[in-house]
All heavy atoms as atom14 arrays in JSON, in Angstrom:
{
  "sequence": "EKRLTYAEAQKCIDRLASGFVKLGLEKDDVVIIQLPNIVEAALMRLA",
  "atom14_mask": [
    [1, 1, 1, 1, 1, 1, 1, 1, 1, 0, 0, 0, 0, 0],
    [1, 1, 1, 1, 1, 1, 1, 1, 1, 0, 0, 0, 0, 0],
    [1, 1, 1, 1, 1, 1, 1, 1, 1, 1, 1, 0, 0, 0],
    [1, 1, 1, 1, 1, 1, 1, 1, 0, 0, 0, 0, 0, 0],
    [1, 1, 1, 1, 1, 1, 1, 0, 0, 0, 0, 0, 0, 0],
    [1, 1, 1, 1, 1, 1, 1, 1, 1, 1, 1, 1, 0, 0],
    [1, 1, 1, 1, 1, 0, 0, 0, 0, 0, 0, 0, 0, 0],
    [1, 1, 1, 1, 1, 1, 1, 1, 1, 0, 0, 0, 0, 0],
    [1, 1, 1, 1, 1, 0, 0, 0, 0, 0, 0, 0, 0, 0],
    [1, 1, 1, 1, 1, 1, 1, 1, 1, 0, 0, 0, 0, 0],
    [1, 1, 1, 1, 1, 1, 1, 1, 1, 0, 0, 0, 0, 0],
    [1, 1, 1, 1, 1, 1, 0, 0, 0, 0, 0, 0, 0, 0],
    [1, 1, 1, 1, 1, 1, 1, 1, 0, 0, 0, 0, 0, 0],
    [1, 1, 1, 1, 1, 1, 1, 1, 0, 0, 0, 0, 0, 0],
    [1, 1, 1, 1, 1, 1, 1, 1, 1, 1, 1, 0, 0, 0],
    [1, 1, 1, 1, 1, 1, 1, 1, 0, 0, 0, 0, 0, 0],
    [1, 1, 1, 1, 1, 0, 0, 0, 0, 0, 0, 0, 0, 0],
    [1, 1, 1, 1, 1, 1, 0, 0, 0, 0, 0, 0, 0, 0],
    [1, 1, 1, 1, 0, 0, 0, 0, 0, 0, 0, 0, 0, 0],
    [1, 1, 1, 1, 1, 1, 1, 1, 1, 1, 1, 0, 0, 0],
    [1, 1, 1, 1, 1, 1, 1, 0, 0, 0, 0, 0, 0, 0],
    [1, 1, 1, 1, 1, 1, 1, 1, 1, 0, 0, 0, 0, 0],
    [1, 1, 1, 1, 1, 1, 1, 1, 0, 0, 0, 0, 0, 0],
    [1, 1, 1, 1, 0, 0, 0, 0, 0, 0, 0, 0, 0, 0],
    [1, 1, 1, 1, 1, 1, 1, 1, 0, 0, 0, 0, 0, 0],
    [1, 1, 1, 1, 1, 1, 1, 1, 1, 0, 0, 0, 0, 0],
    [1, 1, 1, 1, 1, 1, 1, 1, 1, 0, 0, 0, 0, 0],
    [1, 1, 1, 1, 1, 1, 1, 1, 0, 0, 0, 0, 0, 0],
    [1, 1, 1, 1, 1, 1, 1, 1, 0, 0, 0, 0, 0, 0],
    [1, 1, 1, 1, 1, 1, 1, 0, 0, 0, 0, 0, 0, 0],
    [1, 1, 1, 1, 1, 1, 1, 0, 0, 0, 0, 0, 0, 0],
    [1, 1, 1, 1, 1, 1, 1, 1, 0, 0, 0, 0, 0, 0],
    [1, 1, 1, 1, 1, 1, 1, 1, 0, 0, 0, 0, 0, 0],
    [1, 1, 1, 1, 1, 1, 1, 1, 1, 0, 0, 0, 0, 0],
    [1, 1, 1, 1, 1, 1, 1, 1, 0, 0, 0, 0, 0, 0],
    [1, 1, 1, 1, 1, 1, 1, 0, 0, 0, 0, 0, 0, 0],
    [1, 1, 1, 1, 1, 1, 1, 1, 0, 0, 0, 0, 0, 0],
    [1, 1, 1, 1, 1, 1, 1, 1, 0, 0, 0, 0, 0, 0],
    [1, 1, 1, 1, 1, 1, 1, 0, 0, 0, 0, 0, 0, 0],
    [1, 1, 1, 1, 1, 1, 1, 1, 1, 0, 0, 0, 0, 0],
    [1, 1, 1, 1, 1, 0, 0, 0, 0, 0, 0, 0, 0, 0],
    [1, 1, 1, 1, 1, 0, 0, 0, 0, 0, 0, 0, 0, 0],
    [1, 1, 1, 1, 1, 1, 1, 1, 0, 0, 0, 0, 0, 0],
    [1, 1, 1, 1, 1, 1, 1, 1, 0, 0, 0, 0, 0, 0],
    [1, 1, 1, 1, 1, 1, 1, 1, 1, 1, 1, 0, 0, 0],
    [1, 1, 1, 1, 1, 1, 1, 1, 0, 0, 0, 0, 0, 0],
    [1, 1, 1, 1, 1, 0, 0, 0, 0, 0, 0, 0, 0, 0]
  ],
  "atom14_positions": [
    [[115.84, 59.64, 107.27], [116.22, 60.97, 107.78], [115.08, 61.69, 108.55], [115.36, 62.65, 109.26], [116.69, 61.87, 106.63], [117.92, 61.33, 105.96], [118.46, 62.25, 104.87], [118.01, 63.41, 104.82], [119.27, 61.79, 104.11], [0.0, 0.0, 0.0], [0.0, 0.0, 0.0], [0.0, 0.0, 0.0], [0.0, 0.0, 0.0], [0.0, 0.0, 0.0]],
    [[113.82, 61.29, 108.34], [112.72, 62.05, 108.85], [111.61, 61.16, 109.33], [111.34, 60.12, 108.72], [112.22, 63.01, 107.76], [111.16, 63.92, 108.23], [110.69, 64.84, 107.07], [111.84, 65.74, 106.69], [111.58, 66.66, 105.66], [0.0, 0.0, 0.0], [0.0, 0.0, 0.0], [0.0, 0.0, 0.0], [0.0, 0.0, 0.0], [0.0, 0.0, 0.0]],
    [[110.92, 61.57, 110.41], [109.76, 60.88, 110.94], [108.7, 61.94, 111.24], [109.01, 63.0, 111.76], [110.06, 60.13, 112.19], [111.14, 59.08, 111.98], [110.86, 57.84, 112.78], [111.57, 56.62, 112.54], [111.69, 55.94, 111.39], [111.13, 56.42, 110.32], [112.36, 54.83, 111.29], [0.0, 0.0, 0.0], [0.0, 0.0, 0.0], [0.0, 0.0, 0.0]],
    [[107.43, 61.63, 110.85], [106.33, 62.55, 111.08], [105.16, 61.81, 111.72], [104.82, 60.72, 111.31], [105.84, 63.2, 109.78], [106.76, 64.15, 109.03], [106.12, 64.63, 107.75], [107.14, 65.35, 109.91], [0.0, 0.0, 0.0], [0.0, 0.0, 0.0], [0.0, 0.0, 0.0], [0.0, 0.0, 0.0], [0.0, 0.0, 0.0], [0.0, 0.0, 0.0]],
    [[104.55, 62.47, 112.7], [103.29, 61.94, 113.25], [102.18, 62.3, 112.28], [102.36, 63.11, 111.34], [102.99, 62.59, 114.61], [102.71, 63.95, 114.41], [104.07, 62.33, 115.64], [0.0, 0.0, 0.0], [0.0, 0.0, 0.0], [0.0, 0.0, 0.0], [0.0, 0.0, 0.0], [0.0, 0.0, 0.0], [0.0, 0.0, 0.0], [0.0, 0.0, 0.0]],
    [[101.0, 61.71, 112.52], [99.84, 62.04, 111.68], [99.54, 63.55, 111.76], [99.25, 64.13, 110.72], [98.6, 61.24, 112.13], [98.57, 59.85, 111.53], [98.98, 58.77, 112.29], [98.09, 59.61, 110.28], [98.94, 57.48, 111.79], [98.05, 58.33, 109.72], [98.48, 57.26, 110.51], [98.43, 56.0, 109.99], [0.0, 0.0, 0.0], [0.0, 0.0, 0.0]],
    [[99.6, 64.14, 112.92], [99.31, 65.54, 113.06], [100.31, 66.42, 112.3], [99.96, 67.35, 111.58], [99.26, 65.97, 114.53], [0.0, 0.0, 0.0], [0.0, 0.0, 0.0], [0.0, 0.0, 0.0], [0.0, 0.0, 0.0], [0.0, 0.0, 0.0], [0.0, 0.0, 0.0], [0.0, 0.0, 0.0], [0.0, 0.0, 0.0], [0.0, 0.0, 0.0]],
    [[101.59, 66.07, 112.4], [102.64, 66.79, 111.7], [102.45, 66.65, 110.17], [102.58, 67.61, 109.4], [104.01, 66.31, 112.1], [104.38, 66.65, 113.54], [105.62, 65.89, 114.0], [105.89, 64.76, 113.49], [106.28, 66.41, 114.89], [0.0, 0.0, 0.0], [0.0, 0.0, 0.0], [0.0, 0.0, 0.0], [0.0, 0.0, 0.0], [0.0, 0.0, 0.0]],
    [[102.18, 65.41, 109.76], [102.0, 65.17, 108.31], [100.8, 65.9, 107.79], [100.83, 66.48, 106.71], [101.87, 63.67, 108.08], [0.0, 0.0, 0.0], [0.0, 0.0, 0.0], [0.0, 0.0, 0.0], [0.0, 0.0, 0.0], [0.0, 0.0, 0.0], [0.0, 0.0, 0.0], [0.0, 0.0, 0.0], [0.0, 0.0, 0.0], [0.0, 0.0, 0.0]],
    [[99.69, 65.9, 108.54], [98.5, 66.6, 108.13], [98.72, 68.09, 107.94], [98.29, 68.71, 106.94], [97.34, 66.39, 109.1], [96.01, 66.95, 108.65], [95.46, 66.26, 107.45], [95.29, 65.06, 107.44], [95.23, 66.98, 106.36], [0.0, 0.0, 0.0], [0.0, 0.0, 0.0], [0.0, 0.0, 0.0], [0.0, 0.0, 0.0], [0.0, 0.0, 0.0]],
    [[99.49, 68.68, 108.84], [99.82, 70.09, 108.74], [100.67, 70.36, 107.46], [100.39, 71.28, 106.72], [100.63, 70.53, 109.97], [100.91, 71.99, 110.03], [101.61, 72.38, 111.37], [101.93, 73.83, 111.38], [102.57, 74.21, 112.64], [0.0, 0.0, 0.0], [0.0, 0.0, 0.0], [0.0, 0.0, 0.0], [0.0, 0.0, 0.0], [0.0, 0.0, 0.0]],
    [[101.59, 69.45, 107.19], [102.43, 69.6, 105.95], [101.58, 69.43, 104.71], [101.73, 70.21, 103.74], [103.55, 68.56, 105.96], [104.86, 68.82, 107.14], [0.0, 0.0, 0.0], [0.0, 0.0, 0.0], [0.0, 0.0, 0.0], [0.0, 0.0, 0.0], [0.0, 0.0, 0.0], [0.0, 0.0, 0.0], [0.0, 0.0, 0.0], [0.0, 0.0, 0.0]],
    [[100.7, 68.49, 104.71], [99.82, 68.23, 103.55], [98.95, 69.43, 103.29], [98.83, 69.89, 102.13], [98.93, 66.97, 103.79], [99.88, 65.76, 103.78], [97.84, 66.86, 102.8], [99.25, 64.48, 104.37], [0.0, 0.0, 0.0], [0.0, 0.0, 0.0], [0.0, 0.0, 0.0], [0.0, 0.0, 0.0], [0.0, 0.0, 0.0], [0.0, 0.0, 0.0]],
    [[98.34, 70.0, 104.33], [97.49, 71.2, 104.16], [98.29, 72.39, 103.64], [97.83, 73.12, 102.73], [96.83, 71.56, 105.49], [95.79, 70.55, 105.91], [95.33, 69.75, 105.07], [95.43, 70.54, 107.11], [0.0, 0.0, 0.0], [0.0, 0.0, 0.0], [0.0, 0.0, 0.0], [0.0, 0.0, 0.0], [0.0, 0.0, 0.0], [0.0, 0.0, 0.0]],
    [[99.52, 72.57, 104.14], [100.34, 73.69, 103.67], [100.8, 73.47, 102.2], [100.79, 74.41, 101.41], [101.58, 73.82, 104.56], [101.21, 74.37, 105.95], [102.44, 74.51, 106.82], [103.27, 75.57, 106.27], [104.55, 75.71, 106.62], [105.11, 74.89, 107.51], [105.3, 76.65, 106.05], [0.0, 0.0, 0.0], [0.0, 0.0, 0.0], [0.0, 0.0, 0.0]],
    [[101.14, 72.25, 101.87], [101.52, 71.95, 100.47], [100.33, 72.2, 99.52], [100.5, 72.84, 98.48], [102.0, 70.52, 100.33], [103.43, 70.22, 100.72], [103.63, 68.7, 100.83], [104.4, 70.82, 99.75], [0.0, 0.0, 0.0], [0.0, 0.0, 0.0], [0.0, 0.0, 0.0], [0.0, 0.0, 0.0], [0.0, 0.0, 0.0], [0.0, 0.0, 0.0]],
    [[99.19, 71.69, 99.9], [97.98, 71.85, 99.03], [97.69, 73.34, 98.83], [97.42, 73.77, 97.68], [96.8, 71.15, 99.66], [0.0, 0.0, 0.0], [0.0, 0.0, 0.0], [0.0, 0.0, 0.0], [0.0, 0.0, 0.0], [0.0, 0.0, 0.0], [0.0, 0.0, 0.0], [0.0, 0.0, 0.0], [0.0, 0.0, 0.0], [0.0, 0.0, 0.0]],
    [[97.73, 74.1, 99.91], [97.51, 75.54, 99.82], [98.56, 76.21, 98.93], [98.24, 77.07, 98.11], [97.53, 76.15, 101.22], [97.37, 77.55, 101.18], [0.0, 0.0, 0.0], [0.0, 0.0, 0.0], [0.0, 0.0, 0.0], [0.0, 0.0, 0.0], [0.0, 0.0, 0.0], [0.0, 0.0, 0.0], [0.0, 0.0, 0.0], [0.0, 0.0, 0.0]],
    [[99.8, 75.77, 99.1], [100.89, 76.34, 98.3], [100.75, 76.06, 96.81], [101.01, 76.94, 95.97], [0.0, 0.0, 0.0], [0.0, 0.0, 0.0], [0.0, 0.0, 0.0], [0.0, 0.0, 0.0], [0.0, 0.0, 0.0], [0.0, 0.0, 0.0], [0.0, 0.0, 0.0], [0.0, 0.0, 0.0], [0.0, 0.0, 0.0], [0.0, 0.0, 0.0]],
    [[100.26, 74.86, 96.47], [100.05, 74.56, 95.03], [99.0, 75.46, 94.44], [99.14, 75.97, 93.32], [99.61, 73.09, 94.85], [100.69, 72.1, 95.2], [100.36, 70.97, 95.99], [102.0, 72.25, 94.76], [101.37, 70.05, 96.29], [102.97, 71.34, 95.07], [102.67, 70.23, 95.82], [0.0, 0.0, 0.0], [0.0, 0.0, 0.0], [0.0, 0.0, 0.0]],
    [[97.93, 75.73, 95.19], [96.86, 76.59, 94.69], [97.4, 78.04, 94.59], [97.16, 78.72, 93.59], [95.65, 76.56, 95.65], [94.61, 77.59, 95.29], [95.05, 75.16, 95.62], [0.0, 0.0, 0.0], [0.0, 0.0, 0.0], [0.0, 0.0, 0.0], [0.0, 0.0, 0.0], [0.0, 0.0, 0.0], [0.0, 0.0, 0.0], [0.0, 0.0, 0.0]],
    [[98.18, 78.48, 95.57], [98.76, 79.85, 95.49], [99.7, 79.98, 94.32], [99.9, 81.08, 93.78], [99.47, 80.16, 96.8], [98.52, 80.46, 97.93], [99.25, 80.77, 99.22], [98.24, 80.95, 100.34], [98.95, 81.15, 101.62], [0.0, 0.0, 0.0], [0.0, 0.0, 0.0], [0.0, 0.0, 0.0], [0.0, 0.0, 0.0], [0.0, 0.0, 0.0]],
    [[100.34, 78.87, 93.92], [101.24, 78.94, 92.74], [100.47, 79.04, 91.42], [101.06, 79.23, 90.38], [102.12, 77.66, 92.7], [103.3, 77.63, 93.67], [103.94, 76.24, 93.68], [104.3, 78.69, 93.36], [0.0, 0.0, 0.0], [0.0, 0.0, 0.0], [0.0, 0.0, 0.0], [0.0, 0.0, 0.0], [0.0, 0.0, 0.0], [0.0, 0.0, 0.0]],
    [[99.15, 78.87, 91.48], [98.32, 78.99, 90.3], [97.87, 77.67, 89.72], [97.22, 77.65, 88.67], [0.0, 0.0, 0.0], [0.0, 0.0, 0.0], [0.0, 0.0, 0.0], [0.0, 0.0, 0.0], [0.0, 0.0, 0.0], [0.0, 0.0, 0.0], [0.0, 0.0, 0.0], [0.0, 0.0, 0.0], [0.0, 0.0, 0.0], [0.0, 0.0, 0.0]],
    [[98.23, 76.55, 90.37], [97.74, 75.25, 89.86], [96.22, 75.18, 90.15], [95.74, 75.64, 91.16], [98.47, 74.11, 90.56], [99.94, 74.02, 90.22], [100.66, 73.04, 91.13], [100.13, 73.6, 88.77], [0.0, 0.0, 0.0], [0.0, 0.0, 0.0], [0.0, 0.0, 0.0], [0.0, 0.0, 0.0], [0.0, 0.0, 0.0], [0.0, 0.0, 0.0]],
    [[95.52, 74.56, 89.21], [94.07, 74.51, 89.3], [93.6, 73.08, 89.28], [94.34, 72.14, 88.97], [93.44, 75.26, 88.13], [93.8, 76.74, 88.14], [93.24, 77.47, 86.92], [92.69, 76.84, 86.01], [93.36, 78.74, 86.91], [0.0, 0.0, 0.0], [0.0, 0.0, 0.0], [0.0, 0.0, 0.0], [0.0, 0.0, 0.0], [0.0, 0.0, 0.0]],
    [[92.33, 72.91, 89.62], [91.68, 71.58, 89.63], [91.92, 70.87, 88.3], [91.81, 71.49, 87.21], [90.17, 71.73, 89.88], [89.45, 70.41, 89.98], [87.98, 70.64, 90.25], [87.18, 69.38, 90.42], [87.5, 68.23, 89.7], [0.0, 0.0, 0.0], [0.0, 0.0, 0.0], [0.0, 0.0, 0.0], [0.0, 0.0, 0.0], [0.0, 0.0, 0.0]],
    [[92.3, 69.63, 88.36], [92.58, 68.78, 87.22], [93.86, 69.06, 86.48], [94.14, 68.48, 85.46], [91.39, 68.71, 86.24], [90.15, 68.06, 86.87], [90.35, 67.16, 87.68], [89.05, 68.42, 86.47], [0.0, 0.0, 0.0], [0.0, 0.0, 0.0], [0.0, 0.0, 0.0], [0.0, 0.0, 0.0], [0.0, 0.0, 0.0], [0.0, 0.0, 0.0]],
    [[94.68, 70.01, 87.01], [96.05, 70.14, 86.48], [96.79, 68.87, 86.83], [96.38, 68.13, 87.73], [96.76, 71.38, 87.05], [96.38, 72.67, 86.41], [95.69, 72.64, 85.39], [96.75, 73.71, 86.95], [0.0, 0.0, 0.0], [0.0, 0.0, 0.0], [0.0, 0.0, 0.0], [0.0, 0.0, 0.0], [0.0, 0.0, 0.0], [0.0, 0.0, 0.0]],
    [[97.88, 68.62, 86.12], [98.65, 67.4, 86.37], [100.07, 67.79, 86.82], [100.67, 68.64, 86.2], [98.72, 66.51, 85.09], [99.6, 65.3, 85.34], [97.31, 66.15, 84.61], [0.0, 0.0, 0.0], [0.0, 0.0, 0.0], [0.0, 0.0, 0.0], [0.0, 0.0, 0.0], [0.0, 0.0, 0.0], [0.0, 0.0, 0.0], [0.0, 0.0, 0.0]],
    [[100.53, 67.14, 87.85], [101.89, 67.37, 88.38], [102.58, 66.01, 88.42], [102.03, 65.04, 88.9], [101.89, 68.0, 89.78], [103.27, 68.01, 90.39], [101.33, 69.41, 89.73], [0.0, 0.0, 0.0], [0.0, 0.0, 0.0], [0.0, 0.0, 0.0], [0.0, 0.0, 0.0], [0.0, 0.0, 0.0], [0.0, 0.0, 0.0], [0.0, 0.0, 0.0]],
    [[103.79, 66.0, 87.9], [104.59, 64.78, 87.92], [105.47, 64.79, 89.18], [106.18, 65.8, 89.44], [105.46, 64.64, 86.67], [104.55, 64.5, 85.43], [106.44, 63.52, 86.78], [105.26, 64.53, 84.13], [0.0, 0.0, 0.0], [0.0, 0.0, 0.0], [0.0, 0.0, 0.0], [0.0, 0.0, 0.0], [0.0, 0.0, 0.0], [0.0, 0.0, 0.0]],
    [[105.47, 63.69, 89.92], [106.3, 63.55, 91.1], [107.4, 62.56, 90.74], [107.13, 61.43, 90.36], [105.48, 63.0, 92.28], [104.28, 63.91, 92.63], [106.38, 62.83, 93.55], [103.33, 63.29, 93.58], [0.0, 0.0, 0.0], [0.0, 0.0, 0.0], [0.0, 0.0, 0.0], [0.0, 0.0, 0.0], [0.0, 0.0, 0.0], [0.0, 0.0, 0.0]],
    [[108.66, 63.01, 90.88], [109.77, 62.15, 90.59], [110.72, 62.17, 91.83], [111.73, 62.83, 91.81], [110.51, 62.57, 89.33], [111.53, 61.58, 88.86], [112.09, 61.96, 87.52], [112.05, 63.12, 87.1], [112.73, 61.0, 86.84], [0.0, 0.0, 0.0], [0.0, 0.0, 0.0], [0.0, 0.0, 0.0], [0.0, 0.0, 0.0], [0.0, 0.0, 0.0]],
    [[110.3, 61.45, 92.87], [111.03, 61.42, 94.12], [111.32, 60.0, 94.52], [110.51, 59.09, 94.2], [110.22, 62.11, 95.2], [110.03, 63.57, 95.09], [109.01, 64.08, 96.13], [111.33, 64.33, 95.28], [0.0, 0.0, 0.0], [0.0, 0.0, 0.0], [0.0, 0.0, 0.0], [0.0, 0.0, 0.0], [0.0, 0.0, 0.0], [0.0, 0.0, 0.0]],
    [[112.39, 59.77, 95.24], [112.62, 58.4, 95.77], [111.62, 58.16, 96.92], [110.77, 58.98, 97.24], [114.03, 58.49, 96.28], [114.27, 59.93, 96.59], [113.44, 60.68, 95.57], [0.0, 0.0, 0.0], [0.0, 0.0, 0.0], [0.0, 0.0, 0.0], [0.0, 0.0, 0.0], [0.0, 0.0, 0.0], [0.0, 0.0, 0.0], [0.0, 0.0, 0.0]],
    [[111.74, 57.0, 97.49], [110.81, 56.61, 98.56], [111.17, 57.33, 99.86], [111.8, 56.79, 100.76], [110.88, 55.08, 98.76], [109.77, 54.56, 99.64], [108.8, 55.27, 99.9], [109.96, 53.33, 100.1], [0.0, 0.0, 0.0], [0.0, 0.0, 0.0], [0.0, 0.0, 0.0], [0.0, 0.0, 0.0], [0.0, 0.0, 0.0], [0.0, 0.0, 0.0]],
    [[110.74, 58.59, 99.94], [111.02, 59.41, 101.11], [109.7, 60.04, 101.59], [108.69, 60.0, 100.91], [112.04, 60.58, 100.78], [111.55, 61.43, 99.62], [113.42, 59.97, 100.49], [112.42, 62.62, 99.31], [0.0, 0.0, 0.0], [0.0, 0.0, 0.0], [0.0, 0.0, 0.0], [0.0, 0.0, 0.0], [0.0, 0.0, 0.0], [0.0, 0.0, 0.0]],
    [[109.74, 60.6, 102.78], [108.55, 61.19, 103.38], [107.87, 62.22, 102.44], [106.65, 62.23, 102.28], [108.89, 61.83, 104.75], [107.75, 62.69, 105.25], [109.26, 60.74, 105.76], [0.0, 0.0, 0.0], [0.0, 0.0, 0.0], [0.0, 0.0, 0.0], [0.0, 0.0, 0.0], [0.0, 0.0, 0.0], [0.0, 0.0, 0.0], [0.0, 0.0, 0.0]],
    [[108.68, 63.06, 101.82], [108.12, 64.1, 100.96], [107.32, 63.53, 99.8], [106.35, 64.16, 99.36], [109.26, 65.0, 100.42], [109.87, 65.87, 101.46], [110.94, 65.19, 102.34], [111.23, 64.01, 102.15], [111.45, 65.87, 103.25], [0.0, 0.0, 0.0], [0.0, 0.0, 0.0], [0.0, 0.0, 0.0], [0.0, 0.0, 0.0], [0.0, 0.0, 0.0]],
    [[107.7, 62.39, 99.32], [106.94, 61.77, 98.24], [105.52, 61.38, 98.72], [104.54, 61.63, 98.01], [107.66, 60.49, 97.71], [0.0, 0.0, 0.0], [0.0, 0.0, 0.0], [0.0, 0.0, 0.0], [0.0, 0.0, 0.0], [0.0, 0.0, 0.0], [0.0, 0.0, 0.0], [0.0, 0.0, 0.0], [0.0, 0.0, 0.0], [0.0, 0.0, 0.0]],
    [[105.42, 60.84, 99.88], [104.09, 60.48, 100.45], [103.28, 61.75, 100.72], [102.06, 61.77, 100.4], [104.29, 59.7, 101.76], [0.0, 0.0, 0.0], [0.0, 0.0, 0.0], [0.0, 0.0, 0.0], [0.0, 0.0, 0.0], [0.0, 0.0, 0.0], [0.0, 0.0, 0.0], [0.0, 0.0, 0.0], [0.0, 0.0, 0.0], [0.0, 0.0, 0.0]],
    [[103.89, 62.79, 101.2], [103.18, 64.05, 101.44], [102.63, 64.62, 100.14], [101.5, 65.11, 100.09], [104.1, 65.09, 102.13], [104.59, 64.68, 103.55], [105.62, 65.72, 104.04], [103.45, 64.54, 104.49], [0.0, 0.0, 0.0], [0.0, 0.0, 0.0], [0.0, 0.0, 0.0], [0.0, 0.0, 0.0], [0.0, 0.0, 0.0], [0.0, 0.0, 0.0]],
    [[103.44, 64.56, 99.09], [103.01, 65.07, 97.79], [101.81, 64.28, 97.25], [100.87, 64.84, 96.72], [104.14, 64.99, 96.78], [105.3, 65.92, 97.08], [104.97, 67.59, 96.61], [105.08, 67.48, 94.86], [0.0, 0.0, 0.0], [0.0, 0.0, 0.0], [0.0, 0.0, 0.0], [0.0, 0.0, 0.0], [0.0, 0.0, 0.0], [0.0, 0.0, 0.0]],
    [[101.86, 62.96, 97.42], [100.77, 62.09, 96.9], [99.45, 62.35, 97.61], [98.4, 62.1, 97.08], [101.15, 60.62, 97.11], [102.27, 60.13, 96.2], [101.82, 59.98, 94.76], [100.87, 58.87, 94.6], [99.82, 58.91, 93.83], [99.56, 59.95, 93.07], [99.0, 57.88, 93.73], [0.0, 0.0, 0.0], [0.0, 0.0, 0.0], [0.0, 0.0, 0.0]],
    [[99.52, 62.88, 98.83], [98.28, 63.27, 99.54], [97.93, 64.73, 99.35], [96.74, 65.07, 99.31], [98.46, 62.95, 101.05], [98.46, 61.48, 101.38], [99.08, 61.24, 102.74], [97.06, 60.92, 101.29], [0.0, 0.0, 0.0], [0.0, 0.0, 0.0], [0.0, 0.0, 0.0], [0.0, 0.0, 0.0], [0.0, 0.0, 0.0], [0.0, 0.0, 0.0]],
    [[98.88, 65.59, 99.21], [98.61, 67.03, 99.08], [98.04, 67.41, 97.72], [97.12, 68.26, 97.62], [99.86, 67.85, 99.35], [0.0, 0.0, 0.0], [0.0, 0.0, 0.0], [0.0, 0.0, 0.0], [0.0, 0.0, 0.0], [0.0, 0.0, 0.0], [0.0, 0.0, 0.0], [0.0, 0.0, 0.0], [0.0, 0.0, 0.0], [0.0, 0.0, 0.0]]
  ]
}
């Protein structure tokens, strides 16, 4: 359903990482990812 270039993906990764911090998650907190093999799963693994 979705295709992203490196530039688009990098922008998403940076926004996700910033969003996690704004939500109050801190260094060494643990987040479980339970997603199928979709673009969002890869973005989460990098963010």
